[in-house]
Amino acid sequence: MGQTLSLEVSAGRPAPSAWREPIRAGAMRGLAILIFLGIWAAVSLGNAYVWKAFNPILLPSPWAVLASGVDLARSGQLQRDILASMARVLQGFAVAALAGVAVGLAAGTWRALDRLVEPMIELLRPIPPLAFLPMMVLWFGIGETSKIAFIAYAAFFPVFTTTVEGIKHVDPLLLRAASSLGATRMELFRHVVLPAALPAIITGLRLGFGLSFFVIVAAEFIAADSGLGYMINDARTFFMVSQMLLGAVVIGLIGFLFNILLRALENRLLRWRHATRT
């Protein structure tokens, strides 16, 4: 009786690896960032005081970039630029995610629609999004609409493509097994197709979000008076290299944090996948 009770109690507790693994992963990520900062500082100081391969102004140290960030944060400019870029990215990415997942699910499950949509997608997808930026400005003006539409256009393709591929590569054995148990077409989609395609969909969302920041910087170079891209371009005009690097670092940090959030969402939605592997 006591042995059975102890087994039940231990079964209710998470395995040691369940909480050690996230800590280990976080420590490795932190170590990777420290190594990167160390290499950056070593190259900057070495170039400034040892080999002097190029002008030291072109590669300021991490603490010089940090000092520039503190100054901009005190003036409030850094917060305004971050909020401006984030608002544009989130709106454009939301449009791309909804459209990409919806059209991808429809094309993946309806073969006739896939044959109709695929040629258009494959025709537009190889064209760099930056080629359409001047047209977006002409069509929608220099306001927020052109930037949001530009982000939505660029981020749509990875979301759509991974969604379609995720549905197409669902294991046929799973579909046949569910059908033999009497599952309807809608039940097959909800309980088999969608869960099986979810990893690919989330991968597409991660790719789309990263691409959103890539294109918003280009859009803010051309037609904006705020945002991280505008800050970088303005710093380039006045040769403020520390501020230019600050904008790049902030973009990298935001992308890194959102990637962690999307990974956490993936782990939560796909708990069944981890359970089947253990």
Protein backbone atom coordinates (compact mmCIF):
# COMPACT_ATOMS: atom_id res chain seq x y z
CA MET A 1 0.00 0.00 0.00
CA GLY A 2 2.78 2.42 0.97
CA GLN A 3 4.74 1.50 -2.13
CA THR A 4 1.69 2.16 -4.33
CA LEU A 5 1.14 5.54 -2.68
CA SER A 6 4.74 6.55 -3.18
CA LEU A 7 4.54 5.57 -6.84
CA GLU A 8 1.41 7.68 -7.29
CA VAL A 9 3.02 10.69 -5.62
CA SER A 10 6.18 10.36 -7.70
CA ALA A 11 4.10 10.02 -10.85
CA GLY A 12 2.42 13.34 -10.12
CA ARG A 13 5.76 15.14 -9.82
CA PRO A 14 7.58 16.39 -12.91
CA ALA A 15 10.69 14.47 -13.79
CA PRO A 16 13.96 16.19 -12.85
CA SER A 17 14.77 16.59 -16.55
CA ALA A 18 11.49 18.47 -17.03
CA TRP A 19 12.78 21.49 -15.12
CA ARG A 20 16.51 20.99 -15.62
CA GLU A 21 16.30 21.10 -19.40
CA PRO A 22 14.83 24.66 -19.63
CA ILE A 23 17.44 25.90 -17.15
CA ARG A 24 20.21 24.26 -19.14
CA ALA A 25 18.88 25.68 -22.41
CA GLY A 26 18.60 29.18 -20.91
CA ALA A 27 22.14 28.96 -19.56
CA MET A 28 23.47 27.94 -22.97
CA ARG A 29 21.66 30.84 -24.65
CA GLY A 30 23.06 33.26 -22.08
CA LEU A 31 26.55 31.84 -22.58
CA ALA A 32 26.24 32.23 -26.35
CA ILE A 33 25.31 35.91 -25.93
CA LEU A 34 28.25 36.49 -23.57
CA ILE A 35 30.63 34.84 -26.04
CA PHE A 36 29.32 37.07 -28.82
CA LEU A 37 29.77 40.21 -26.69
CA GLY A 38 33.25 39.07 -25.70
CA ILE A 39 34.28 38.59 -29.34
CA TRP A 40 32.80 41.96 -30.24
CA ALA A 41 34.67 43.71 -27.40
CA ALA A 42 37.94 41.92 -28.20
CA VAL A 43 37.82 42.86 -31.89
CA SER A 44 36.86 46.46 -31.10
CA LEU A 45 39.60 46.96 -28.50
CA GLY A 46 42.17 45.05 -30.52
CA ASN A 47 41.50 47.18 -33.57
CA ALA A 48 41.62 50.38 -31.51
CA TYR A 49 44.84 49.70 -29.60
CA VAL A 50 46.74 46.80 -31.24
CA TRP A 51 46.54 46.09 -34.97
CA LYS A 52 44.46 49.12 -36.11
CA ALA A 53 43.20 47.47 -39.29
CA PHE A 54 40.53 50.14 -39.84
CA ASN A 55 39.22 53.31 -38.25
CA PRO A 56 38.13 52.47 -34.66
CA ILE A 57 35.09 54.73 -35.09
CA LEU A 58 33.65 52.17 -37.49
CA LEU A 59 33.38 49.50 -34.76
CA PRO A 60 32.55 50.97 -31.35
CA SER A 61 32.70 48.77 -28.26
CA PRO A 62 29.58 47.22 -26.69
CA TRP A 63 29.67 49.69 -23.80
CA ALA A 64 29.81 52.62 -26.25
CA VAL A 65 26.66 51.27 -27.90
CA LEU A 66 25.09 50.80 -24.46
CA ALA A 67 25.94 54.40 -23.53
CA SER A 68 24.28 55.58 -26.74
CA GLY A 69 21.19 53.57 -25.83
CA VAL A 70 21.06 55.08 -22.34
CA ASP A 71 21.24 58.60 -23.79
CA LEU A 72 18.45 57.90 -26.29
CA ALA A 73 16.32 56.23 -23.62
CA ARG A 74 16.67 59.26 -21.33
CA SER A 75 15.46 61.54 -24.11
CA GLY A 76 12.57 59.18 -24.90
CA GLN A 77 13.55 58.78 -28.56
CA LEU A 78 14.49 55.11 -28.23
CA GLN A 79 11.11 54.19 -26.72
CA ARG A 80 9.23 56.11 -29.41
CA ASP A 81 11.16 54.43 -32.21
CA ILE A 82 10.70 50.96 -30.71
CA LEU A 83 6.96 51.47 -30.28
CA ALA A 84 6.59 52.85 -33.81
CA SER A 85 8.37 49.88 -35.39
CA MET A 86 6.63 47.34 -33.17
CA ALA A 87 3.19 48.74 -34.01
CA ARG A 88 3.89 48.44 -37.74
CA VAL A 89 5.43 44.98 -37.47
CA LEU A 90 2.65 43.54 -35.30
CA GLN A 91 -0.10 44.87 -37.55
CA GLY A 92 1.54 43.71 -40.76
CA PHE A 93 2.51 40.35 -39.29
CA ALA A 94 -1.01 39.79 -37.96
CA VAL A 95 -2.45 40.35 -41.45
CA ALA A 96 0.15 38.02 -42.98
CA ALA A 97 -0.39 35.32 -40.35
CA LEU A 98 -4.17 35.31 -40.72
CA ALA A 99 -4.08 35.39 -44.52
CA GLY A 100 -1.20 32.93 -44.84
CA VAL A 101 -2.68 30.34 -42.48
CA ALA A 102 -6.22 30.68 -43.86
CA VAL A 103 -5.23 30.48 -47.54
CA GLY A 104 -2.64 27.79 -46.78
CA LEU A 105 -5.17 25.60 -44.97
CA ALA A 106 -7.67 26.03 -47.81
CA ALA A 107 -5.10 25.30 -50.53
CA GLY A 108 -3.66 22.36 -48.62
CA THR A 109 -7.01 20.65 -48.18
CA TRP A 110 -8.62 21.61 -51.50
CA ARG A 111 -6.53 20.38 -54.44
CA ALA A 112 -8.32 22.47 -57.05
CA LEU A 113 -7.58 25.67 -55.13
CA ASP A 114 -3.97 24.60 -54.68
CA ARG A 115 -3.56 24.16 -58.44
CA LEU A 116 -5.07 27.59 -58.99
CA VAL A 117 -3.06 29.44 -56.33
CA GLU A 118 0.31 27.71 -56.62
CA PRO A 119 1.38 29.24 -59.99
CA MET A 120 0.66 32.76 -58.73
CA ILE A 121 2.51 32.17 -55.46
CA GLU A 122 5.51 30.61 -57.18
CA LEU A 123 5.60 33.53 -59.61
CA LEU A 124 5.60 36.19 -56.88
CA ARG A 125 7.61 34.41 -54.18
CA PRO A 126 11.07 34.62 -55.85
CA ILE A 127 10.70 38.39 -56.36
CA PRO A 128 12.44 40.27 -53.51
CA PRO A 129 9.87 42.19 -51.46
CA LEU A 130 12.03 45.30 -51.69
CA ALA A 131 11.26 45.43 -55.41
CA PHE A 132 7.65 46.28 -54.54
CA LEU A 133 8.41 48.90 -51.89
CA PRO A 134 8.32 51.89 -54.29
CA MET A 135 5.03 50.61 -55.69
CA MET A 136 3.58 50.24 -52.19
CA VAL A 137 4.46 53.87 -51.48
CA LEU A 138 2.83 54.95 -54.75
CA TRP A 139 -0.31 52.88 -54.11
CA PHE A 140 -0.83 53.58 -50.39
CA GLY A 141 1.14 56.78 -49.81
CA ILE A 142 3.94 57.39 -47.31
CA GLY A 143 1.76 56.82 -44.25
CA GLU A 144 1.37 53.75 -42.10
CA THR A 145 -0.76 51.81 -44.60
CA SER A 146 2.09 51.33 -47.08
CA LYS A 147 4.42 50.00 -44.38
CA ILE A 148 1.83 47.60 -42.96
CA ALA A 149 0.92 46.35 -46.44
CA PHE A 150 4.60 45.89 -47.28
CA ILE A 151 5.21 43.83 -44.14
CA ALA A 152 2.08 41.75 -44.74
CA TYR A 153 3.15 41.03 -48.31
CA ALA A 154 6.66 39.97 -47.33
CA ALA A 155 5.64 37.80 -44.37
CA PHE A 156 2.74 36.10 -46.18
CA PHE A 157 4.85 33.76 -48.32
CA PRO A 158 6.72 31.79 -45.62
CA VAL A 159 3.53 31.38 -43.59
CA PHE A 160 1.54 30.21 -46.60
CA THR A 161 4.24 27.87 -47.92
CA THR A 162 4.93 26.10 -44.62
CA THR A 163 1.21 25.75 -43.92
CA VAL A 164 0.57 24.07 -47.26
CA GLU A 165 3.60 21.80 -46.93
CA GLY A 166 2.62 20.86 -43.39
CA ILE A 167 -0.82 19.72 -44.53
CA LYS A 168 0.49 17.89 -47.58
CA HIS A 169 2.92 15.85 -45.48
CA VAL A 170 0.43 14.58 -42.92
CA ASP A 171 1.00 10.84 -42.43
CA PRO A 172 -1.60 8.97 -44.57
CA LEU A 173 -1.68 6.19 -41.97
CA LEU A 174 -3.11 8.63 -39.44
CA LEU A 175 -5.83 9.68 -41.87
CA ARG A 176 -6.75 6.08 -42.71
CA ALA A 177 -6.78 5.08 -39.05
CA ALA A 178 -9.08 7.96 -38.12
CA SER A 179 -11.34 7.27 -41.11
CA SER A 180 -11.63 3.59 -40.16
CA LEU A 181 -12.82 4.69 -36.72
CA GLY A 182 -15.65 6.66 -38.31
CA ALA A 183 -14.22 10.20 -38.21
CA THR A 184 -15.98 12.70 -40.44
CA ARG A 185 -14.14 15.04 -42.81
CA MET A 186 -14.35 17.90 -40.32
CA GLU A 187 -13.17 15.68 -37.47
CA LEU A 188 -10.24 14.52 -39.60
CA PHE A 189 -9.27 18.15 -40.16
CA ARG A 190 -9.64 19.20 -36.53
CA HIS A 191 -8.12 16.19 -34.79
CA VAL A 192 -5.60 14.84 -37.31
CA VAL A 193 -4.64 17.27 -40.08
CA LEU A 194 -4.42 20.49 -38.08
CA PRO A 195 -2.40 19.06 -35.14
CA ALA A 196 -0.03 17.31 -37.53
CA ALA A 197 0.51 20.50 -39.56
CA LEU A 198 0.85 22.77 -36.52
CA PRO A 199 4.67 22.45 -36.19
CA ALA A 200 5.12 23.57 -39.80
CA ILE A 201 2.66 26.44 -39.31
CA ILE A 202 4.49 27.74 -36.25
CA THR A 203 7.81 27.48 -38.11
CA GLY A 204 6.31 29.62 -40.86
CA LEU A 205 5.14 32.16 -38.29
CA ARG A 206 8.64 32.40 -36.85
CA LEU A 207 10.13 32.89 -40.31
CA GLY A 208 7.47 35.45 -41.19
CA PHE A 209 8.07 37.47 -38.05
CA GLY A 210 11.80 37.59 -38.67
CA LEU A 211 11.20 38.73 -42.24
CA SER A 212 8.80 41.41 -40.96
CA PHE A 213 11.63 43.16 -39.11
CA PHE A 214 13.89 42.82 -42.14
CA VAL A 215 11.49 44.68 -44.40
CA ILE A 216 10.28 47.28 -41.88
CA VAL A 217 13.81 48.61 -41.59
CA ALA A 218 13.94 49.05 -45.37
CA ALA A 219 10.51 50.70 -45.38
CA GLU A 220 11.51 53.12 -42.62
CA PHE A 221 14.62 54.02 -44.57
CA ILE A 222 12.50 55.44 -47.38
CA ALA A 223 9.30 56.88 -45.96
CA ALA A 224 9.19 57.36 -42.20
CA ASP A 225 9.94 59.91 -39.51
CA SER A 226 10.09 57.40 -36.66
CA GLY A 227 11.03 53.80 -36.03
CA LEU A 228 14.22 51.79 -35.63
CA GLY A 229 14.93 51.86 -39.36
CA TYR A 230 14.56 55.62 -39.38
CA MET A 231 16.89 55.84 -36.37
CA ILE A 232 19.55 53.78 -38.16
CA ASN A 233 19.24 55.82 -41.36
CA ASP A 234 19.33 59.10 -39.45
CA ALA A 235 22.45 57.95 -37.58
CA ARG A 236 24.06 57.00 -40.90
CA THR A 237 23.46 60.51 -42.21
CA PHE A 238 25.34 62.03 -39.26
CA PHE A 239 27.90 59.18 -39.04
CA MET A 240 26.86 58.08 -35.54
CA VAL A 241 28.01 54.48 -35.72
CA SER A 242 27.14 53.66 -32.10
CA GLN A 243 23.53 54.66 -32.71
CA MET A 244 23.43 52.63 -35.93
CA LEU A 245 24.63 49.53 -34.09
CA LEU A 246 22.19 50.27 -31.27
CA GLY A 247 19.27 50.06 -33.69
CA ALA A 248 20.54 46.75 -35.06
CA VAL A 249 21.05 45.34 -31.54
CA VAL A 250 17.56 46.38 -30.44
CA ILE A 251 16.03 44.71 -33.51
CA GLY A 252 18.00 41.55 -32.75
CA LEU A 253 16.88 41.52 -29.12
CA ILE A 254 13.22 42.00 -30.04
CA GLY A 255 13.41 39.21 -32.61
CA PHE A 256 15.16 36.96 -30.09
CA LEU A 257 12.47 37.54 -27.45
CA PHE A 258 9.61 36.93 -29.87
CA ASN A 259 11.30 33.76 -31.09
CA ILE A 260 11.36 32.54 -27.48
CA LEU A 261 7.66 33.36 -27.11
CA LEU A 262 6.78 31.48 -30.29
CA ARG A 263 8.84 28.50 -29.15
CA ALA A 264 7.00 28.53 -25.82
CA LEU A 265 3.69 28.67 -27.68
CA GLU A 266 4.81 25.74 -29.82
CA ASN A 267 5.77 23.69 -26.76
CA ARG A 268 2.43 24.43 -25.14
CA LEU A 269 0.34 23.60 -28.19
CA LEU A 270 2.38 20.50 -28.98
CA ARG A 271 2.57 18.93 -25.54
CA TRP A 272 1.30 15.69 -27.10
CA ARG A 273 4.39 15.49 -29.30
CA HIS A 274 6.75 15.68 -26.34
CA ALA A 275 4.67 13.11 -24.46
CA THR A 276 4.94 10.61 -27.31
CA ARG A 277 8.72 11.02 -27.43
CA THR A 278 9.25 10.25 -23.75
